[in-house]
Amino acid sequence: MNVILETSFSGLKFFRRGKVRDIYESGDNLLIVSTDRLSAFDVIMNQGIPGKGAVLNKLSAFWLDYTKDIIQNHYITDDPSAYPHECGEYKNDLKGRSMLVKRSNPLPVECIVRGYISGSGWNDYRETGSISGINLPAGLRESDKLPEPVFTPSTKAEIGEHDMNISHNEAAALIGRDLFEKVAQVSVDVYKKCAEYALTKGIIIADTKMEFGTDENGELMLIDEVLTPDSSRFWSVVKYEPGRAQDSFDKQFVRDYLLSVNFNKRPPAPDLPQEIISKTAAKYISAYEILTGKKMEL
């Protein structure tokens, strides 16, 4: 299985490179290529995860279709045979890990919905009893289910920098109160619908991070990846046990390893052992296959 860390399609117009995705211009649209790069603590690891880009791409396409009744999204197609002709010579590299999308104006906030308390939300709660200025009930344990999902926005940091949780008022100041309120409601609606579906497959979606933009008419649009193991915490219903960290189908497994070797969360990243790479690949593929009921083709 080929691992692609970076693409360089000379016949396409390069647009930008994110932590995981390489983006090219394609006429009025964009071509997003999901590589096998892995970012943990906002630091890009030296090695890729086999099959990761395909999982992110295919699972995002699955959720974008599943939530299109709630909010429009940027998806056009993930079939390379339907891409513009200039993409043709790269079809082997694009197959399974790319999608053609509409352009948008991305909002400068990360939209996080938490149904369970974990990660940075758990750390904030232990210190303040709240997350992003939202007061939560006393006595919650790590990984407890929250009474209702909460919307906790964060900044959108540059590569190598860390996202920071911000209050609702701070987020509203960035994008405007009306748009903020719509984003918050849509984020929760998308999370609820997908979390309810995932439970029927034996997976708890503890939290997730989404991104939105506006289209040429200023209308809200769901963009980027959606409910993947990179942007969400996926836990097993069978193994779920509040009061501790959970076994997961996501990159928390890599974060836990990095913490065990006292990684300082700054570049340069340490090399990942082959065992960690292989287990992470298996977790990502399992998440896709369980949620979609389809066999991952690599």
C-alpha atoms as a PDB file:
ATOM      1  CA  MET A   1       0.000   0.000   0.000  1.00  0.00           C
ATOM      2  CA  ASN A   2       1.563   3.297  -1.109  1.00  0.00           C
ATOM      3  CA  VAL A   3       1.817   6.011   1.517  1.00  0.00           C
ATOM      4  CA  ILE A   4       1.491   9.521   0.105  1.00  0.00           C
ATOM      5  CA  LEU A   5       2.914  12.249   2.308  1.00  0.00           C
ATOM      6  CA  GLU A   6       2.791  15.033  -0.236  1.00  0.00           C
ATOM      7  CA  THR A   7       1.588  15.581  -3.765  1.00  0.00           C
ATOM      8  CA  SER A   8       3.135  17.647  -6.516  1.00  0.00           C
ATOM      9  CA  PHE A   9       0.903  17.678  -9.571  1.00  0.00           C
ATOM     10  CA  SER A  10       2.780  19.988 -11.927  1.00  0.00           C
ATOM     11  CA  GLY A  11      -0.099  20.114 -14.412  1.00  0.00           C
ATOM     12  CA  LEU A  12      -2.495  21.481 -11.799  1.00  0.00           C
ATOM     13  CA  LYS A  13      -2.484  24.915 -10.184  1.00  0.00           C
ATOM     14  CA  PHE A  14      -1.388  24.555  -6.567  1.00  0.00           C
ATOM     15  CA  PHE A  15      -3.589  26.443  -4.097  1.00  0.00           C
ATOM     16  CA  ARG A  16      -2.426  25.621  -0.573  1.00  0.00           C
ATOM     17  CA  ARG A  17      -1.176  22.825   1.667  1.00  0.00           C
ATOM     18  CA  GLY A  18      -2.802  22.136   5.040  1.00  0.00           C
ATOM     19  CA  LYS A  19      -1.785  19.804   7.832  1.00  0.00           C
ATOM     20  CA  VAL A  20      -3.185  16.821   5.950  1.00  0.00           C
ATOM     21  CA  ARG A  21      -4.649  18.034   2.657  1.00  0.00           C
ATOM     22  CA  ASP A  22      -3.086  19.356  -0.526  1.00  0.00           C
ATOM     23  CA  ILE A  23      -5.429  21.640  -2.448  1.00  0.00           C
ATOM     24  CA  TYR A  24      -5.366  22.559  -6.121  1.00  0.00           C
ATOM     25  CA  GLU A  25      -7.437  24.942  -8.197  1.00  0.00           C
ATOM     26  CA  SER A  26      -9.620  23.386 -10.862  1.00  0.00           C
ATOM     27  CA  GLY A  27     -11.487  25.971 -12.839  1.00  0.00           C
ATOM     28  CA  ASP A  28     -13.980  27.644 -10.527  1.00  0.00           C
ATOM     29  CA  ASN A  29     -13.663  24.777  -8.053  1.00  0.00           C
ATOM     30  CA  LEU A  30     -11.038  23.210  -5.819  1.00  0.00           C
ATOM     31  CA  LEU A  31      -9.536  19.722  -5.822  1.00  0.00           C
ATOM     32  CA  ILE A  32      -8.837  18.481  -2.302  1.00  0.00           C
ATOM     33  CA  VAL A  33      -6.356  15.628  -1.949  1.00  0.00           C
ATOM     34  CA  SER A  34      -6.250  13.844   1.417  1.00  0.00           C
ATOM     35  CA  THR A  35      -2.692  12.638   1.998  1.00  0.00           C
ATOM     36  CA  ASP A  36      -1.575  10.081   4.577  1.00  0.00           C
ATOM     37  CA  ARG A  37       0.078  12.756   6.717  1.00  0.00           C
ATOM     38  CA  LEU A  38      -0.795  12.695  10.403  1.00  0.00           C
ATOM     39  CA  SER A  39      -0.931  15.774  12.593  1.00  0.00           C
ATOM     40  CA  ALA A  40      -0.961  15.344  16.365  1.00  0.00           C
ATOM     41  CA  PHE A  41      -0.931  18.283  18.778  1.00  0.00           C
ATOM     42  CA  ASP A  42      -0.803  20.388  15.591  1.00  0.00           C
ATOM     43  CA  VAL A  43       2.603  18.917  14.677  1.00  0.00           C
ATOM     44  CA  ILE A  44       2.950  16.910  11.458  1.00  0.00           C
ATOM     45  CA  MET A  45       4.494  13.504  12.071  1.00  0.00           C
ATOM     46  CA  ASN A  46       7.427  12.262  10.003  1.00  0.00           C
ATOM     47  CA  GLN A  47       5.669   9.120   8.823  1.00  0.00           C
ATOM     48  CA  GLY A  48       2.307   8.659   7.191  1.00  0.00           C
ATOM     49  CA  ILE A  49      -0.464   6.242   8.099  1.00  0.00           C
ATOM     50  CA  PRO A  50      -1.273   3.727   5.316  1.00  0.00           C
ATOM     51  CA  GLY A  51      -4.821   4.189   4.037  1.00  0.00           C
ATOM     52  CA  LYS A  52      -5.479   7.261   6.158  1.00  0.00           C
ATOM     53  CA  GLY A  53      -6.128   9.650   3.281  1.00  0.00           C
ATOM     54  CA  ALA A  54      -8.640   7.260   1.749  1.00  0.00           C
ATOM     55  CA  VAL A  55     -10.478   6.890   5.069  1.00  0.00           C
ATOM     56  CA  LEU A  56     -10.707  10.650   5.567  1.00  0.00           C
ATOM     57  CA  ASN A  57     -11.916  11.226   2.014  1.00  0.00           C
ATOM     58  CA  LYS A  58     -14.470   8.426   1.843  1.00  0.00           C
ATOM     59  CA  LEU A  59     -15.857   8.973   5.333  1.00  0.00           C
ATOM     60  CA  SER A  60     -16.211  12.713   4.719  1.00  0.00           C
ATOM     61  CA  ALA A  61     -18.107  11.985   1.485  1.00  0.00           C
ATOM     62  CA  PHE A  62     -20.373   9.593   3.410  1.00  0.00           C
ATOM     63  CA  TRP A  63     -21.230  12.161   6.101  1.00  0.00           C
ATOM     64  CA  LEU A  64     -21.609  15.048   3.651  1.00  0.00           C
ATOM     65  CA  ASP A  65     -24.268  13.058   1.849  1.00  0.00           C
ATOM     66  CA  TYR A  66     -25.897  12.024   5.134  1.00  0.00           C
ATOM     67  CA  THR A  67     -26.193  15.606   6.420  1.00  0.00           C
ATOM     68  CA  LYS A  68     -27.102  17.452   3.215  1.00  0.00           C
ATOM     69  CA  ASP A  69     -30.698  17.785   4.420  1.00  0.00           C
ATOM     70  CA  ILE A  70     -29.418  19.924   7.327  1.00  0.00           C
ATOM     71  CA  ILE A  71     -26.898  22.150   5.587  1.00  0.00           C
ATOM     72  CA  GLN A  72     -25.519  22.540   2.067  1.00  0.00           C
ATOM     73  CA  ASN A  73     -21.906  21.468   1.613  1.00  0.00           C
ATOM     74  CA  HIS A  74     -19.045  21.898  -0.819  1.00  0.00           C
ATOM     75  CA  TYR A  75     -19.019  18.358  -2.251  1.00  0.00           C
ATOM     76  CA  ILE A  76     -19.299  17.945  -6.024  1.00  0.00           C
ATOM     77  CA  THR A  77     -17.835  14.495  -6.732  1.00  0.00           C
ATOM     78  CA  ASP A  78     -15.103  12.118  -5.612  1.00  0.00           C
ATOM     79  CA  ASP A  79     -15.021  10.241  -8.911  1.00  0.00           C
ATOM     80  CA  PRO A  80     -11.775  11.093 -10.761  1.00  0.00           C
ATOM     81  CA  SER A  81     -13.386  10.170 -14.105  1.00  0.00           C
ATOM     82  CA  ALA A  82     -15.715  13.150 -13.583  1.00  0.00           C
ATOM     83  CA  TYR A  83     -12.898  15.590 -12.790  1.00  0.00           C
ATOM     84  CA  PRO A  84     -11.731  18.159 -15.367  1.00  0.00           C
ATOM     85  CA  HIS A  85      -9.500  16.696 -18.087  1.00  0.00           C
ATOM     86  CA  GLU A  86      -6.286  18.200 -16.681  1.00  0.00           C
ATOM     87  CA  CYS A  87      -6.627  15.867 -13.687  1.00  0.00           C
ATOM     88  CA  GLY A  88      -6.597  12.771 -15.885  1.00  0.00           C
ATOM     89  CA  GLU A  89      -2.879  12.019 -15.773  1.00  0.00           C
ATOM     90  CA  TYR A  90      -3.009  11.904 -11.966  1.00  0.00           C
ATOM     91  CA  LYS A  91      -6.059   9.673 -11.662  1.00  0.00           C
ATOM     92  CA  ASN A  92      -4.167   6.805 -10.017  1.00  0.00           C
ATOM     93  CA  ASP A  93      -2.978   9.050  -7.187  1.00  0.00           C
ATOM     94  CA  LEU A  94      -6.348  10.812  -6.923  1.00  0.00           C
ATOM     95  CA  LYS A  95      -8.495   7.673  -6.809  1.00  0.00           C
ATOM     96  CA  GLY A  96     -10.056   7.177  -3.380  1.00  0.00           C
ATOM     97  CA  ARG A  97      -8.350  10.113  -1.709  1.00  0.00           C
ATOM     98  CA  SER A  98      -9.667  13.217  -3.456  1.00  0.00           C
ATOM     99  CA  MET A  99     -12.808  15.190  -4.074  1.00  0.00           C
ATOM    100  CA  LEU A 100     -13.821  18.094  -6.264  1.00  0.00           C
ATOM    101  CA  VAL A 101     -15.507  20.801  -4.190  1.00  0.00           C
ATOM    102  CA  LYS A 102     -17.070  24.221  -4.546  1.00  0.00           C
ATOM    103  CA  ARG A 103     -15.065  27.206  -3.407  1.00  0.00           C
ATOM    104  CA  SER A 104     -16.119  28.989  -0.245  1.00  0.00           C
ATOM    105  CA  ASN A 105     -14.986  31.708   2.107  1.00  0.00           C
ATOM    106  CA  PRO A 106     -13.899  29.742   5.221  1.00  0.00           C
ATOM    107  CA  LEU A 107     -14.930  31.075   8.607  1.00  0.00           C
ATOM    108  CA  PRO A 108     -12.022  31.803  11.011  1.00  0.00           C
ATOM    109  CA  VAL A 109     -13.336  29.505  13.749  1.00  0.00           C
ATOM    110  CA  GLU A 110     -13.257  25.775  14.428  1.00  0.00           C
ATOM    111  CA  CYS A 111     -16.729  24.514  15.318  1.00  0.00           C
ATOM    112  CA  ILE A 112     -16.501  21.876  18.033  1.00  0.00           C
ATOM    113  CA  VAL A 113     -19.467  19.972  19.425  1.00  0.00           C
ATOM    114  CA  ARG A 114     -19.009  17.877  22.546  1.00  0.00           C
ATOM    115  CA  GLY A 115     -21.467  15.192  23.563  1.00  0.00           C
ATOM    116  CA  TYR A 116     -19.090  13.734  26.134  1.00  0.00           C
ATOM    117  CA  ILE A 117     -16.385  15.376  28.212  1.00  0.00           C
ATOM    118  CA  SER A 118     -12.865  14.495  27.145  1.00  0.00           C
ATOM    119  CA  GLY A 119      -9.602  15.968  25.911  1.00  0.00           C
ATOM    120  CA  SER A 120      -9.102  19.713  26.256  1.00  0.00           C
ATOM    121  CA  GLY A 121     -12.730  20.050  27.352  1.00  0.00           C
ATOM    122  CA  TRP A 122     -12.055  17.762  30.301  1.00  0.00           C
ATOM    123  CA  ASN A 123      -8.937  19.755  31.183  1.00  0.00           C
ATOM    124  CA  ASP A 124     -10.874  23.030  31.077  1.00  0.00           C
ATOM    125  CA  TYR A 125     -13.682  21.570  33.159  1.00  0.00           C
ATOM    126  CA  ARG A 126     -11.312  20.360  35.889  1.00  0.00           C
ATOM    127  CA  GLU A 127      -9.807  23.830  36.134  1.00  0.00           C
ATOM    128  CA  THR A 128     -12.906  26.007  35.813  1.00  0.00           C
ATOM    129  CA  GLY A 129     -16.032  23.847  35.918  1.00  0.00           C
ATOM    130  CA  SER A 130     -16.830  25.082  32.423  1.00  0.00           C
ATOM    131  CA  ILE A 131     -15.820  24.822  28.752  1.00  0.00           C
ATOM    132  CA  SER A 132     -15.574  27.935  26.580  1.00  0.00           C
ATOM    133  CA  GLY A 133     -17.396  29.850  29.298  1.00  0.00           C
ATOM    134  CA  ILE A 134     -20.286  27.354  29.420  1.00  0.00           C
ATOM    135  CA  ASN A 135     -20.915  26.196  32.978  1.00  0.00           C
ATOM    136  CA  LEU A 136     -21.383  22.444  33.314  1.00  0.00           C
ATOM    137  CA  PRO A 137     -22.853  20.357  36.139  1.00  0.00           C
ATOM    138  CA  ALA A 138     -20.546  19.655  39.082  1.00  0.00           C
ATOM    139  CA  GLY A 139     -19.173  16.188  39.644  1.00  0.00           C
ATOM    140  CA  LEU A 140     -18.689  15.082  36.034  1.00  0.00           C
ATOM    141  CA  ARG A 141     -16.187  12.305  35.447  1.00  0.00           C
ATOM    142  CA  GLU A 142     -13.820  12.021  32.517  1.00  0.00           C
ATOM    143  CA  SER A 143     -15.705  10.677  29.476  1.00  0.00           C
ATOM    144  CA  ASP A 144     -19.147  11.274  31.051  1.00  0.00           C
ATOM    145  CA  LYS A 145     -21.994  11.985  28.658  1.00  0.00           C
ATOM    146  CA  LEU A 146     -23.139  15.596  28.878  1.00  0.00           C
ATOM    147  CA  PRO A 147     -26.805  16.396  29.540  1.00  0.00           C
ATOM    148  CA  GLU A 148     -26.936  17.984  26.072  1.00  0.00           C
ATOM    149  CA  PRO A 149     -24.276  18.440  23.393  1.00  0.00           C
ATOM    150  CA  VAL A 150     -22.447  21.749  23.789  1.00  0.00           C
ATOM    151  CA  PHE A 151     -20.937  23.972  21.117  1.00  0.00           C
ATOM    152  CA  THR A 152     -17.420  25.069  22.048  1.00  0.00           C
ATOM    153  CA  PRO A 153     -15.666  27.099  19.343  1.00  0.00           C
ATOM    154  CA  SER A 154     -11.923  27.496  19.032  1.00  0.00           C
ATOM    155  CA  THR A 155      -9.481  29.547  17.037  1.00  0.00           C
ATOM    156  CA  LYS A 156      -8.212  28.211  13.722  1.00  0.00           C
ATOM    157  CA  ALA A 157      -4.447  28.131  14.158  1.00  0.00           C
ATOM    158  CA  GLU A 158      -1.777  28.117  11.481  1.00  0.00           C
ATOM    159  CA  ILE A 159       0.259  24.948  10.914  1.00  0.00           C
ATOM    160  CA  GLY A 160       2.472  24.328  13.943  1.00  0.00           C
ATOM    161  CA  GLU A 161       0.350  26.486  16.225  1.00  0.00           C
ATOM    162  CA  HIS A 162      -2.317  25.292  18.630  1.00  0.00           C
ATOM    163  CA  ASP A 163      -6.053  25.960  18.409  1.00  0.00           C
ATOM    164  CA  MET A 164      -7.371  27.707  21.520  1.00  0.00           C
ATOM    165  CA  ASN A 165     -10.845  27.324  23.010  1.00  0.00           C
ATOM    166  CA  ILE A 166     -12.730  30.627  22.945  1.00  0.00           C
ATOM    167  CA  SER A 167     -16.035  31.840  24.352  1.00  0.00           C
ATOM    168  CA  HIS A 168     -19.250  32.233  22.385  1.00  0.00           C
ATOM    169  CA  ASN A 169     -18.879  36.009  22.598  1.00  0.00           C
ATOM    170  CA  GLU A 170     -15.335  35.861  21.249  1.00  0.00           C
ATOM    171  CA  ALA A 171     -16.437  33.676  18.348  1.00  0.00           C
ATOM    172  CA  ALA A 172     -19.401  35.960  17.630  1.00  0.00           C
ATOM    173  CA  ALA A 173     -17.025  38.922  17.525  1.00  0.00           C
ATOM    174  CA  LEU A 174     -15.029  37.151  14.821  1.00  0.00           C
ATOM    175  CA  ILE A 175     -17.877  36.246  12.477  1.00  0.00           C
ATOM    176  CA  GLY A 176     -20.890  38.271  13.609  1.00  0.00           C
ATOM    177  CA  ARG A 177     -23.639  37.335  16.052  1.00  0.00           C
ATOM    178  CA  ASP A 178     -26.257  36.165  13.541  1.00  0.00           C
ATOM    179  CA  LEU A 179     -23.848  33.937  11.636  1.00  0.00           C
ATOM    180  CA  PHE A 180     -22.409  32.592  14.878  1.00  0.00           C
ATOM    181  CA  GLU A 181     -25.822  31.559  16.157  1.00  0.00           C
ATOM    182  CA  LYS A 182     -26.586  29.775  12.888  1.00  0.00           C
ATOM    183  CA  VAL A 183     -23.225  28.006  12.892  1.00  0.00           C
ATOM    184  CA  ALA A 184     -23.698  26.884  16.488  1.00  0.00           C
ATOM    185  CA  GLN A 185     -27.167  25.469  15.821  1.00  0.00           C
ATOM    186  CA  VAL A 186     -26.204  23.738  12.579  1.00  0.00           C
ATOM    187  CA  SER A 187     -23.110  22.226  14.213  1.00  0.00           C
ATOM    188  CA  VAL A 188     -25.189  20.713  16.995  1.00  0.00           C
ATOM    189  CA  ASP A 189     -27.829  19.479  14.535  1.00  0.00           C
ATOM    190  CA  VAL A 190     -25.192  17.748  12.382  1.00  0.00           C
ATOM    191  CA  TYR A 191     -23.545  16.215  15.454  1.00  0.00           C
ATOM    192  CA  LYS A 192     -26.830  14.914  16.861  1.00  0.00           C
ATOM    193  CA  LYS A 193     -27.937  13.287  13.618  1.00  0.00           C
ATOM    194  CA  CYS A 194     -24.590  11.605  13.027  1.00  0.00           C
ATOM    195  CA  ALA A 195     -24.072  10.596  16.662  1.00  0.00           C
ATOM    196  CA  GLU A 196     -27.490   8.925  16.743  1.00  0.00           C
ATOM    197  CA  TYR A 197     -26.649   7.018  13.574  1.00  0.00           C
ATOM    198  CA  ALA A 198     -23.214   5.985  14.883  1.00  0.00           C
ATOM    199  CA  LEU A 199     -24.758   4.529  18.040  1.00  0.00           C
ATOM    200  CA  THR A 200     -26.712   2.097  15.889  1.00  0.00           C
ATOM    201  CA  LYS A 201     -23.334   0.886  14.593  1.00  0.00           C
ATOM    202  CA  GLY A 202     -21.799   0.532  18.051  1.00  0.00           C
ATOM    203  CA  ILE A 203     -19.733   3.729  17.984  1.00  0.00           C
ATOM    204  CA  ILE A 204     -19.982   6.718  20.309  1.00  0.00           C
ATOM    205  CA  ILE A 205     -19.023  10.016  18.698  1.00  0.00           C
ATOM    206  CA  ALA A 206     -17.750  11.781  21.792  1.00  0.00           C
ATOM    207  CA  ASP A 207     -16.968  15.050  20.060  1.00  0.00           C
ATOM    208  CA  THR A 208     -16.177  16.419  16.646  1.00  0.00           C
ATOM    209  CA  LYS A 209     -14.701  19.453  14.952  1.00  0.00           C
ATOM    210  CA  MET A 210     -16.294  20.975  11.852  1.00  0.00           C
ATOM    211  CA  GLU A 211     -15.498  23.818   9.514  1.00  0.00           C
ATOM    212  CA  PHE A 212     -17.864  26.089   7.664  1.00  0.00           C
ATOM    213  CA  GLY A 213     -17.610  28.694   4.952  1.00  0.00           C
ATOM    214  CA  THR A 214     -19.964  30.897   3.022  1.00  0.00           C
ATOM    215  CA  ASP A 215     -20.798  30.527  -0.661  1.00  0.00           C
ATOM    216  CA  GLU A 216     -20.851  33.272  -3.277  1.00  0.00           C
ATOM    217  CA  ASN A 217     -24.268  34.354  -2.007  1.00  0.00           C
ATOM    218  CA  GLY A 218     -23.137  34.521   1.607  1.00  0.00           C
ATOM    219  CA  GLU A 219     -25.021  31.353   2.550  1.00  0.00           C
ATOM    220  CA  LEU A 220     -23.536  28.976   5.102  1.00  0.00           C
ATOM    221  CA  MET A 221     -21.815  25.844   3.784  1.00  0.00           C
ATOM    222  CA  LEU A 222     -20.259  22.814   5.502  1.00  0.00           C
ATOM    223  CA  ILE A 223     -16.706  22.324   4.204  1.00  0.00           C
ATOM    224  CA  ASP A 224     -13.488  20.380   4.710  1.00  0.00           C
ATOM    225  CA  GLU A 225     -13.534  16.982   6.427  1.00  0.00           C
ATOM    226  CA  VAL A 226     -16.568  15.823   8.384  1.00  0.00           C
ATOM    227  CA  LEU A 227     -16.697  13.393  11.325  1.00  0.00           C
ATOM    228  CA  THR A 228     -13.475  11.539  10.548  1.00  0.00           C
ATOM    229  CA  PRO A 229     -11.041   9.869  12.972  1.00  0.00           C
ATOM    230  CA  ASP A 230      -8.861  12.972  12.535  1.00  0.00           C
ATOM    231  CA  SER A 231     -11.556  15.429  13.586  1.00  0.00           C
ATOM    232  CA  SER A 232     -13.577  13.348  16.060  1.00  0.00           C
ATOM    233  CA  ARG A 233     -13.318  10.977  18.993  1.00  0.00           C
ATOM    234  CA  PHE A 234     -14.858   7.600  18.194  1.00  0.00           C
ATOM    235  CA  TRP A 235     -15.366   5.204  21.125  1.00  0.00           C
ATOM    236  CA  SER A 236     -16.704   1.655  21.277  1.00  0.00           C
ATOM    237  CA  VAL A 237     -20.144   1.398  22.872  1.00  0.00           C
ATOM    238  CA  VAL A 238     -19.229  -2.034  24.253  1.00  0.00           C
ATOM    239  CA  LYS A 239     -16.004  -0.845  25.891  1.00  0.00           C
ATOM    240  CA  TYR A 240     -17.310   2.524  27.100  1.00  0.00           C
ATOM    241  CA  GLU A 241     -16.685   3.128  30.793  1.00  0.00           C
ATOM    242  CA  PRO A 242     -16.957   6.647  32.276  1.00  0.00           C
ATOM    243  CA  GLY A 243     -14.316   7.792  34.724  1.00  0.00           C
ATOM    244  CA  ARG A 244     -11.306   7.150  32.511  1.00  0.00           C
ATOM    245  CA  ALA A 245      -9.905   7.764  29.060  1.00  0.00           C
ATOM    246  CA  GLN A 246     -11.506   5.519  26.430  1.00  0.00           C
ATOM    247  CA  ASP A 247     -10.172   3.127  23.833  1.00  0.00           C
ATOM    248  CA  SER A 248     -10.691   4.883  20.534  1.00  0.00           C
ATOM    249  CA  PHE A 249     -10.865   4.463  16.765  1.00  0.00           C
ATOM    250  CA  ASP A 250      -9.074   7.747  16.171  1.00  0.00           C
ATOM    251  CA  LYS A 251      -5.747   9.533  16.472  1.00  0.00           C
ATOM    252  CA  GLN A 252      -6.048   9.798  20.244  1.00  0.00           C
ATOM    253  CA  PHE A 253      -4.116   6.514  20.121  1.00  0.00           C
ATOM    254  CA  VAL A 254      -1.157   8.415  18.609  1.00  0.00           C
ATOM    255  CA  ARG A 255      -1.545  11.309  21.039  1.00  0.00           C
ATOM    256  CA  ASP A 256      -1.393   8.851  23.951  1.00  0.00           C
ATOM    257  CA  TYR A 257       1.808   7.338  22.568  1.00  0.00           C
ATOM    258  CA  LEU A 258       3.388  10.772  22.131  1.00  0.00           C
ATOM    259  CA  LEU A 259       2.501  11.710  25.697  1.00  0.00           C
ATOM    260  CA  SER A 260       4.041   8.452  26.911  1.00  0.00           C
ATOM    261  CA  VAL A 261       7.403   9.478  25.399  1.00  0.00           C
ATOM    262  CA  ASN A 262       7.090  13.019  26.828  1.00  0.00           C
ATOM    263  CA  PHE A 263       6.686  14.737  23.466  1.00  0.00           C
ATOM    264  CA  ASN A 264       6.672  18.503  24.079  1.00  0.00           C
ATOM    265  CA  LYS A 265       4.018  19.154  21.400  1.00  0.00           C
ATOM    266  CA  ARG A 266       6.454  21.178  19.310  1.00  0.00           C
ATOM    267  CA  PRO A 267       8.419  20.314  16.152  1.00  0.00           C
ATOM    268  CA  PRO A 268      10.424  18.280  15.446  1.00  0.00           C
ATOM    269  CA  ALA A 269       8.179  15.260  15.868  1.00  0.00           C
ATOM    270  CA  PRO A 270       9.626  11.953  17.071  1.00  0.00           C
ATOM    271  CA  ASP A 271       9.496   8.984  14.727  1.00  0.00           C
ATOM    272  CA  LEU A 272       6.537   6.696  15.296  1.00  0.00           C
ATOM    273  CA  PRO A 273       7.247   2.978  15.875  1.00  0.00           C
ATOM    274  CA  GLN A 274       5.893   0.656  13.186  1.00  0.00           C
ATOM    275  CA  GLU A 275       3.521  -0.884  15.729  1.00  0.00           C
ATOM    276  CA  ILE A 276       1.894   2.501  16.374  1.00  0.00           C
ATOM    277  CA  ILE A 277       1.602   3.181  12.643  1.00  0.00           C
ATOM    278  CA  SER A 278       0.033  -0.218  11.930  1.00  0.00           C
ATOM    279  CA  LYS A 279      -2.428  -0.033  14.821  1.00  0.00           C
ATOM    280  CA  THR A 280      -3.461   3.502  13.872  1.00  0.00           C
ATOM    281  CA  ALA A 281      -4.107   2.411  10.281  1.00  0.00           C
ATOM    282  CA  ALA A 282      -6.224  -0.491  11.535  1.00  0.00           C
ATOM    283  CA  LYS A 283      -8.254   1.825  13.805  1.00  0.00           C
ATOM    284  CA  TYR A 284      -8.986   4.281  10.996  1.00  0.00           C
ATOM    285  CA  ILE A 285     -10.025   1.561   8.587  1.00  0.00           C
ATOM    286  CA  SER A 286     -12.211  -0.103  11.241  1.00  0.00           C
ATOM    287  CA  ALA A 287     -13.987   3.185  11.928  1.00  0.00           C
ATOM    288  CA  TYR A 288     -14.816   3.595   8.242  1.00  0.00           C
ATOM    289  CA  GLU A 289     -15.991   0.033   7.767  1.00  0.00           C
ATOM    290  CA  ILE A 290     -18.135  -0.019  10.928  1.00  0.00           C
ATOM    291  CA  LEU A 291     -19.800   3.326  10.226  1.00  0.00           C
ATOM    292  CA  THR A 292     -20.463   2.836   6.528  1.00  0.00           C
ATOM    293  CA  GLY A 293     -20.908  -0.939   6.376  1.00  0.00           C
ATOM    294  CA  LYS A 294     -18.540  -0.952   3.401  1.00  0.00           C
ATOM    295  CA  LYS A 295     -15.201  -2.671   2.960  1.00  0.00           C
ATOM    296  CA  MET A 296     -12.341  -0.230   2.584  1.00  0.00           C
ATOM    297  CA  GLU A 297     -10.734  -0.617  -0.838  1.00  0.00           C
ATOM    298  CA  LEU A 298      -7.115   0.492  -0.874  1.00  0.00           C
END
